[in-house]
C-alpha atoms as a PDB file:
ATOM      1  CA  MET A   1    -119.951 -29.295 252.061  1.00  0.00           C
ATOM      2  CA  GLY A   2    -119.669 -33.007 252.791  1.00  0.00           C
ATOM      3  CA  HIS A   3    -116.618 -35.228 252.289  1.00  0.00           C
ATOM      4  CA  ALA A   4    -117.619 -36.048 248.716  1.00  0.00           C
ATOM      5  CA  GLY A   5    -118.069 -32.352 247.881  1.00  0.00           C
ATOM      6  CA  ALA A   6    -114.726 -31.487 249.454  1.00  0.00           C
ATOM      7  CA  ALA A   7    -112.988 -34.234 247.469  1.00  0.00           C
ATOM      8  CA  ALA A   8    -114.567 -33.029 244.235  1.00  0.00           C
ATOM      9  CA  ALA A   9    -113.533 -29.430 244.986  1.00  0.00           C
ATOM     10  CA  ALA A  10    -109.965 -30.577 245.650  1.00  0.00           C
ATOM     11  CA  VAL A  11    -109.859 -32.375 242.290  1.00  0.00           C
ATOM     12  CA  ARG A  12    -111.100 -29.236 240.478  1.00  0.00           C
ATOM     13  CA  TYR A  13    -108.469 -27.136 242.283  1.00  0.00           C
ATOM     14  CA  LEU A  14    -105.536 -29.505 241.757  1.00  0.00           C
ATOM     15  CA  GLY A  15    -106.094 -30.181 238.069  1.00  0.00           C
ATOM     16  CA  PRO A  16    -108.213 -31.862 235.439  1.00  0.00           C
ATOM     17  CA  ALA A  17    -110.406 -34.724 236.602  1.00  0.00           C
ATOM     18  CA  ARG A  18    -109.155 -38.217 235.860  1.00  0.00           C
ATOM     19  CA  GLY A  19    -112.281 -40.030 236.928  1.00  0.00           C
ATOM     20  CA  PRO A  20    -114.529 -39.707 239.954  1.00  0.00           C
ATOM     21  CA  ALA A  21    -112.832 -38.813 243.216  1.00  0.00           C
ATOM     22  CA  GLU A  22    -113.341 -41.282 246.028  1.00  0.00           C
ATOM     23  CA  PRO A  23    -113.733 -39.568 249.405  1.00  0.00           C
ATOM     24  CA  LEU A  24    -111.733 -40.905 252.309  1.00  0.00           C
ATOM     25  CA  PRO A  25    -113.710 -42.892 254.879  1.00  0.00           C
ATOM     26  CA  ARG A  26    -114.909 -40.732 257.740  1.00  0.00           C
ATOM     27  CA  PRO A  27    -113.303 -41.719 261.072  1.00  0.00           C
ATOM     28  CA  GLU A  28    -115.664 -42.831 263.794  1.00  0.00           C
ATOM     29  CA  LEU A  29    -115.516 -40.369 266.676  1.00  0.00           C
ATOM     30  CA  ARG A  30    -116.912 -41.174 270.096  1.00  0.00           C
ATOM     31  CA  CYS A  31    -116.451 -40.287 273.738  1.00  0.00           C
ATOM     32  CA  VAL A  32    -114.385 -42.491 276.034  1.00  0.00           C
ATOM     33  CA  ARG A  33    -116.598 -44.313 278.517  1.00  0.00           C
ATOM     34  CA  GLU A  34    -115.790 -44.273 282.232  1.00  0.00           C
ATOM     35  CA  ASP A  35    -114.949 -47.993 282.189  1.00  0.00           C
ATOM     36  CA  GLU A  36    -112.408 -47.406 279.387  1.00  0.00           C
ATOM     37  CA  ARG A  37    -110.270 -44.887 281.277  1.00  0.00           C
ATOM     38  CA  ALA A  38    -106.647 -45.895 281.765  1.00  0.00           C
ATOM     39  CA  PRO A  39    -105.659 -46.317 285.424  1.00  0.00           C
ATOM     40  CA  VAL A  40    -103.370 -43.267 285.462  1.00  0.00           C
ATOM     41  CA  GLN A  41    -103.006 -41.498 288.785  1.00  0.00           C
ATOM     42  CA  PRO A  42    -103.012 -37.663 288.674  1.00  0.00           C
ATOM     43  CA  GLY A  43     -99.641 -37.458 290.423  1.00  0.00           C
ATOM     44  CA  GLU A  44     -98.002 -39.793 287.938  1.00  0.00           C
ATOM     45  CA  PHE A  45     -99.644 -37.976 285.031  1.00  0.00           C
ATOM     46  CA  ARG A  46     -98.281 -34.648 286.295  1.00  0.00           C
ATOM     47  CA  ARG A  47     -94.800 -36.110 286.917  1.00  0.00           C
ATOM     48  CA  VAL A  48     -94.422 -37.633 283.464  1.00  0.00           C
ATOM     49  CA  LEU A  49     -95.917 -34.699 281.560  1.00  0.00           C
ATOM     50  CA  GLY A  50     -93.580 -32.427 283.517  1.00  0.00           C
ATOM     51  CA  SER A  51     -90.790 -33.875 281.364  1.00  0.00           C
ATOM     52  CA  PHE A  52     -92.124 -31.726 278.515  1.00  0.00           C
ATOM     53  CA  ALA A  53     -90.317 -28.376 278.749  1.00  0.00           C
ATOM     54  CA  SER A  54     -92.482 -25.414 277.812  1.00  0.00           C
ATOM     55  CA  GLY A  55     -92.529 -21.671 277.757  1.00  0.00           C
ATOM     56  CA  VAL A  56     -94.524 -19.717 280.316  1.00  0.00           C
ATOM     57  CA  THR A  57     -97.195 -17.120 279.604  1.00  0.00           C
ATOM     58  CA  VAL A  58     -99.435 -14.754 281.484  1.00  0.00           C
ATOM     59  CA  ILE A  59    -102.896 -14.367 279.968  1.00  0.00           C
ATOM     60  CA  THR A  60    -104.347 -10.908 280.622  1.00  0.00           C
ATOM     61  CA  ALA A  61    -107.622  -9.141 279.854  1.00  0.00           C
ATOM     62  CA  PRO A  62    -108.917  -5.608 280.395  1.00  0.00           C
ATOM     63  CA  ALA A  63    -111.473  -4.920 283.093  1.00  0.00           C
ATOM     64  CA  ALA A  64    -114.944  -5.829 281.866  1.00  0.00           C
ATOM     65  CA  GLU A  65    -117.896  -3.673 282.895  1.00  0.00           C
ATOM     66  CA  GLY A  66    -118.322  -3.802 286.663  1.00  0.00           C
ATOM     67  CA  GLU A  67    -114.886  -5.356 287.268  1.00  0.00           C
ATOM     68  CA  PRO A  68    -112.474  -3.627 289.694  1.00  0.00           C
ATOM     69  CA  GLY A  69    -109.476  -3.965 287.384  1.00  0.00           C
ATOM     70  CA  PRO A  70    -107.790  -6.090 284.733  1.00  0.00           C
ATOM     71  CA  ALA A  71    -107.588  -9.870 285.000  1.00  0.00           C
ATOM     72  CA  GLY A  72    -104.661 -12.206 284.522  1.00  0.00           C
ATOM     73  CA  PHE A  73    -103.254 -15.624 285.350  1.00  0.00           C
ATOM     74  CA  ALA A  74    -100.066 -17.607 284.738  1.00  0.00           C
ATOM     75  CA  CYS A  75    -100.516 -20.229 282.021  1.00  0.00           C
ATOM     76  CA  GLN A  76     -98.110 -22.922 280.881  1.00  0.00           C
ATOM     77  CA  ALA A  77    -100.630 -24.604 278.550  1.00  0.00           C
ATOM     78  CA  PHE A  78    -100.430 -22.346 275.484  1.00  0.00           C
ATOM     79  CA  SER A  79     -99.877 -23.128 271.808  1.00  0.00           C
ATOM     80  CA  SER A  80    -100.133 -21.755 268.312  1.00  0.00           C
ATOM     81  CA  LEU A  81    -103.007 -23.403 266.447  1.00  0.00           C
ATOM     82  CA  SER A  82    -103.546 -22.093 262.924  1.00  0.00           C
ATOM     83  CA  LEU A  83    -101.728 -19.887 260.432  1.00  0.00           C
ATOM     84  CA  ASP A  84    -104.738 -19.066 258.248  1.00  0.00           C
ATOM     85  CA  PRO A  85    -106.706 -17.732 260.001  1.00  0.00           C
ATOM     86  CA  PRO A  86    -104.165 -16.841 262.707  1.00  0.00           C
ATOM     87  CA  LEU A  87    -105.306 -18.709 265.831  1.00  0.00           C
ATOM     88  CA  VAL A  88    -103.707 -19.560 269.174  1.00  0.00           C
ATOM     89  CA  CYS A  89    -105.094 -21.486 272.127  1.00  0.00           C
ATOM     90  CA  PHE A  90    -104.630 -21.828 275.847  1.00  0.00           C
ATOM     91  CA  MET A  91    -106.057 -24.217 278.402  1.00  0.00           C
ATOM     92  CA  VAL A  92    -107.576 -23.088 281.681  1.00  0.00           C
ATOM     93  CA  GLY A  93    -109.030 -25.089 284.564  1.00  0.00           C
ATOM     94  CA  ARG A  94    -112.805 -25.121 284.836  1.00  0.00           C
ATOM     95  CA  THR A  95    -112.498 -23.994 288.475  1.00  0.00           C
ATOM     96  CA  SER A  96    -110.455 -20.890 287.582  1.00  0.00           C
ATOM     97  CA  THR A  97    -111.896 -17.702 289.090  1.00  0.00           C
ATOM     98  CA  THR A  98    -110.003 -15.561 286.541  1.00  0.00           C
ATOM     99  CA  TRP A  99    -111.353 -17.224 283.397  1.00  0.00           C
ATOM    100  CA  PRO A 100    -114.942 -15.920 283.809  1.00  0.00           C
ATOM    101  CA  ARG A 101    -113.539 -12.373 283.928  1.00  0.00           C
ATOM    102  CA  ILE A 102    -111.565 -12.955 280.721  1.00  0.00           C
ATOM    103  CA  ALA A 103    -114.647 -14.500 279.105  1.00  0.00           C
ATOM    104  CA  ARG A 104    -116.724 -11.433 279.998  1.00  0.00           C
ATOM    105  CA  ALA A 105    -114.085  -9.181 278.435  1.00  0.00           C
ATOM    106  CA  GLY A 106    -114.134 -11.319 275.262  1.00  0.00           C
ATOM    107  CA  VAL A 107    -110.504 -10.456 274.502  1.00  0.00           C
ATOM    108  CA  PHE A 108    -107.091 -11.316 275.929  1.00  0.00           C
ATOM    109  CA  CYS A 109    -103.362 -10.851 275.483  1.00  0.00           C
ATOM    110  CA  VAL A 110    -100.847 -13.687 275.751  1.00  0.00           C
ATOM    111  CA  ASN A 111     -97.663 -12.393 277.369  1.00  0.00           C
ATOM    112  CA  VAL A 112     -94.766 -14.783 276.699  1.00  0.00           C
ATOM    113  CA  LEU A 113     -92.494 -14.306 279.697  1.00  0.00           C
ATOM    114  CA  GLY A 114     -88.812 -13.680 279.264  1.00  0.00           C
ATOM    115  CA  ALA A 115     -85.883 -15.192 281.148  1.00  0.00           C
ATOM    116  CA  GLY A 116     -85.733 -13.664 284.605  1.00  0.00           C
ATOM    117  CA  GLN A 117     -89.482 -13.070 284.901  1.00  0.00           C
ATOM    118  CA  ASP A 118     -90.096 -16.090 287.143  1.00  0.00           C
ATOM    119  CA  GLU A 119     -91.165 -13.875 290.066  1.00  0.00           C
ATOM    120  CA  LEU A 120     -93.716 -12.194 287.827  1.00  0.00           C
ATOM    121  CA  CYS A 121     -95.043 -15.641 286.917  1.00  0.00           C
ATOM    122  CA  ARG A 122     -95.340 -16.584 290.587  1.00  0.00           C
ATOM    123  CA  ALA A 123     -97.268 -13.367 291.287  1.00  0.00           C
ATOM    124  CA  PHE A 124     -99.823 -14.209 288.604  1.00  0.00           C
ATOM    125  CA  ALA A 125    -100.106 -17.807 289.822  1.00  0.00           C
ATOM    126  CA  VAL A 126    -101.466 -16.655 293.211  1.00  0.00           C
ATOM    127  CA  SER A 127    -105.228 -16.712 293.640  1.00  0.00           C
ATOM    128  CA  GLY A 128    -107.135 -13.852 295.234  1.00  0.00           C
ATOM    129  CA  ALA A 129    -104.339 -11.265 295.276  1.00  0.00           C
ATOM    130  CA  ASP A 130    -103.994  -7.980 293.370  1.00  0.00           C
ATOM    131  CA  LYS A 131    -101.804  -9.496 290.692  1.00  0.00           C
ATOM    132  CA  PHE A 132    -101.135  -6.188 288.950  1.00  0.00           C
ATOM    133  CA  ALA A 133     -99.823  -4.359 292.025  1.00  0.00           C
ATOM    134  CA  GLY A 134     -96.443  -2.876 291.112  1.00  0.00           C
ATOM    135  CA  VAL A 135     -96.488  -4.492 287.637  1.00  0.00           C
ATOM    136  CA  ALA A 136     -95.556  -2.275 284.683  1.00  0.00           C
ATOM    137  CA  TYR A 137     -97.747  -2.670 281.609  1.00  0.00           C
ATOM    138  CA  ASP A 138     -99.406  -0.781 278.786  1.00  0.00           C
ATOM    139  CA  ALA A 139    -102.485  -1.500 276.655  1.00  0.00           C
ATOM    140  CA  ALA A 140    -102.248  -3.987 273.790  1.00  0.00           C
ATOM    141  CA  PRO A 141    -103.255  -2.193 270.564  1.00  0.00           C
ATOM    142  CA  ALA A 142    -106.325  -4.185 269.524  1.00  0.00           C
ATOM    143  CA  SER A 143    -107.922  -5.356 272.778  1.00  0.00           C
ATOM    144  CA  GLY A 144    -106.588  -2.968 275.402  1.00  0.00           C
ATOM    145  CA  SER A 145    -105.482  -5.983 277.462  1.00  0.00           C
ATOM    146  CA  PRO A 146    -102.449  -5.459 279.716  1.00  0.00           C
ATOM    147  CA  ARG A 147     -99.212  -5.967 277.804  1.00  0.00           C
ATOM    148  CA  LEU A 148     -96.580  -6.713 280.435  1.00  0.00           C
ATOM    149  CA  ALA A 149     -93.280  -4.849 280.343  1.00  0.00           C
ATOM    150  CA  GLY A 150     -90.286  -7.053 279.624  1.00  0.00           C
ATOM    151  CA  ALA A 151     -92.226  -9.889 278.003  1.00  0.00           C
ATOM    152  CA  ALA A 152     -90.399 -11.778 275.270  1.00  0.00           C
ATOM    153  CA  ALA A 153     -93.481 -11.606 273.036  1.00  0.00           C
ATOM    154  CA  TRP A 154     -97.167 -10.651 273.115  1.00  0.00           C
ATOM    155  CA  ILE A 155    -100.176 -11.869 271.141  1.00  0.00           C
ATOM    156  CA  ASP A 156    -103.333  -9.736 271.203  1.00  0.00           C
ATOM    157  CA  CYS A 157    -106.524 -11.762 270.621  1.00  0.00           C
ATOM    158  CA  ALA A 158    -110.300 -11.930 270.611  1.00  0.00           C
ATOM    159  CA  VAL A 159    -111.977 -15.048 271.996  1.00  0.00           C
ATOM    160  CA  HIS A 160    -112.814 -17.137 268.917  1.00  0.00           C
ATOM    161  CA  ALA A 161    -114.158 -20.379 270.453  1.00  0.00           C
ATOM    162  CA  VAL A 162    -114.205 -22.325 273.710  1.00  0.00           C
ATOM    163  CA  HIS A 163    -114.217 -26.132 273.811  1.00  0.00           C
ATOM    164  CA  PRO A 164    -114.526 -28.562 276.745  1.00  0.00           C
ATOM    165  CA  GLY A 165    -111.424 -30.597 277.537  1.00  0.00           C
ATOM    166  CA  GLY A 166    -111.921 -32.764 280.620  1.00  0.00           C
ATOM    167  CA  ASP A 167    -111.357 -30.682 283.740  1.00  0.00           C
ATOM    168  CA  HIS A 168    -110.097 -27.807 281.554  1.00  0.00           C
ATOM    169  CA  LEU A 169    -111.443 -25.546 278.827  1.00  0.00           C
ATOM    170  CA  VAL A 170    -109.648 -25.048 275.510  1.00  0.00           C
ATOM    171  CA  VAL A 171    -109.862 -21.352 274.635  1.00  0.00           C
ATOM    172  CA  VAL A 172    -109.140 -20.441 271.004  1.00  0.00           C
ATOM    173  CA  GLY A 173    -108.159 -16.874 270.240  1.00  0.00           C
ATOM    174  CA  ARG A 174    -108.099 -15.081 266.895  1.00  0.00           C
ATOM    175  CA  VAL A 175    -104.942 -13.003 266.666  1.00  0.00           C
ATOM    176  CA  ALA A 176    -105.410  -9.304 265.933  1.00  0.00           C
ATOM    177  CA  ALA A 177    -101.874  -8.031 266.640  1.00  0.00           C
ATOM    178  CA  LEU A 178     -98.589  -9.397 267.941  1.00  0.00           C
ATOM    179  CA  GLY A 179     -94.958  -8.558 268.502  1.00  0.00           C
ATOM    180  CA  ALA A 180     -91.706  -9.857 269.955  1.00  0.00           C
ATOM    181  CA  CYS A 181     -88.508  -8.595 271.537  1.00  0.00           C
ATOM    182  CA  GLU A 182     -85.915 -10.179 269.270  1.00  0.00           C
ATOM    183  CA  ASP A 183     -83.061 -10.087 271.796  1.00  0.00           C
ATOM    184  CA  SER A 184     -85.033 -11.639 274.680  1.00  0.00           C
ATOM    185  CA  ASP A 185     -84.725 -15.293 275.711  1.00  0.00           C
ATOM    186  CA  PRO A 186     -87.876 -17.055 276.969  1.00  0.00           C
ATOM    187  CA  LEU A 187     -88.582 -18.255 280.485  1.00  0.00           C
ATOM    188  CA  LEU A 188     -88.803 -22.063 280.500  1.00  0.00           C
ATOM    189  CA  PHE A 189     -90.590 -24.467 282.832  1.00  0.00           C
ATOM    190  CA  HIS A 190     -89.459 -28.073 283.265  1.00  0.00           C
ATOM    191  CA  ARG A 191     -90.183 -30.633 286.000  1.00  0.00           C
ATOM    192  CA  GLY A 192     -91.596 -28.033 288.340  1.00  0.00           C
ATOM    193  CA  ARG A 193     -88.743 -25.549 287.993  1.00  0.00           C
ATOM    194  CA  PHE A 194     -88.012 -22.439 285.968  1.00  0.00           C
ATOM    195  CA  GLY A 195     -85.034 -22.350 283.643  1.00  0.00           C
ATOM    196  CA  ARG A 196     -83.629 -20.593 280.636  1.00  0.00           C
ATOM    197  CA  LEU A 197     -81.889 -21.473 277.390  1.00  0.00           C
ATOM    198  CA  GLY A 198     -78.243 -22.499 277.681  1.00  0.00           C
ATOM    199  CA  ALA A 199     -75.374 -20.433 276.339  1.00  0.00           C
ATOM    200  CA  ARG A 200     -75.277 -20.220 272.554  1.00  0.00           C
END
């Protein structure tokens, strides 16, 4: 359905027609050329964006066929995306060695870390180690992905879409199951340091 068809459908849905519906002009979308890039240095970009406090997650996936064990990595770049259908997204670097394992599994679980789980986050931020050594977890109900003990919340997903985003990939997940520990505060990350919510 084009813009005109969508506008006509909206008019039928919202009430009786009062004349022809005029579709909104379609925005012109294009890629940014190399000579249009702002002169922002990576260090400055990281410093300024570090002012945005966020939660911290660990993305996990079950072992795909031929894999030695489950996969997982610490991820700060996570967000809800859509209510209907229920979608979330996370961003992962194109050079990540863990992402191909999650992609092969086709499913993942977002573990929202709770206050006090900063050491767990550091363990999953290390490359090349057995990240699950000594870590307590069970299987998420829909995907079988590791659901980490003590997490403030978990979101069990199937990979819905993957989009390019500069030196990262934007991974969209369709939510199949989720849950939260209502009395758990989240682990926060701000300007390169972990923190927690203040006293209430």
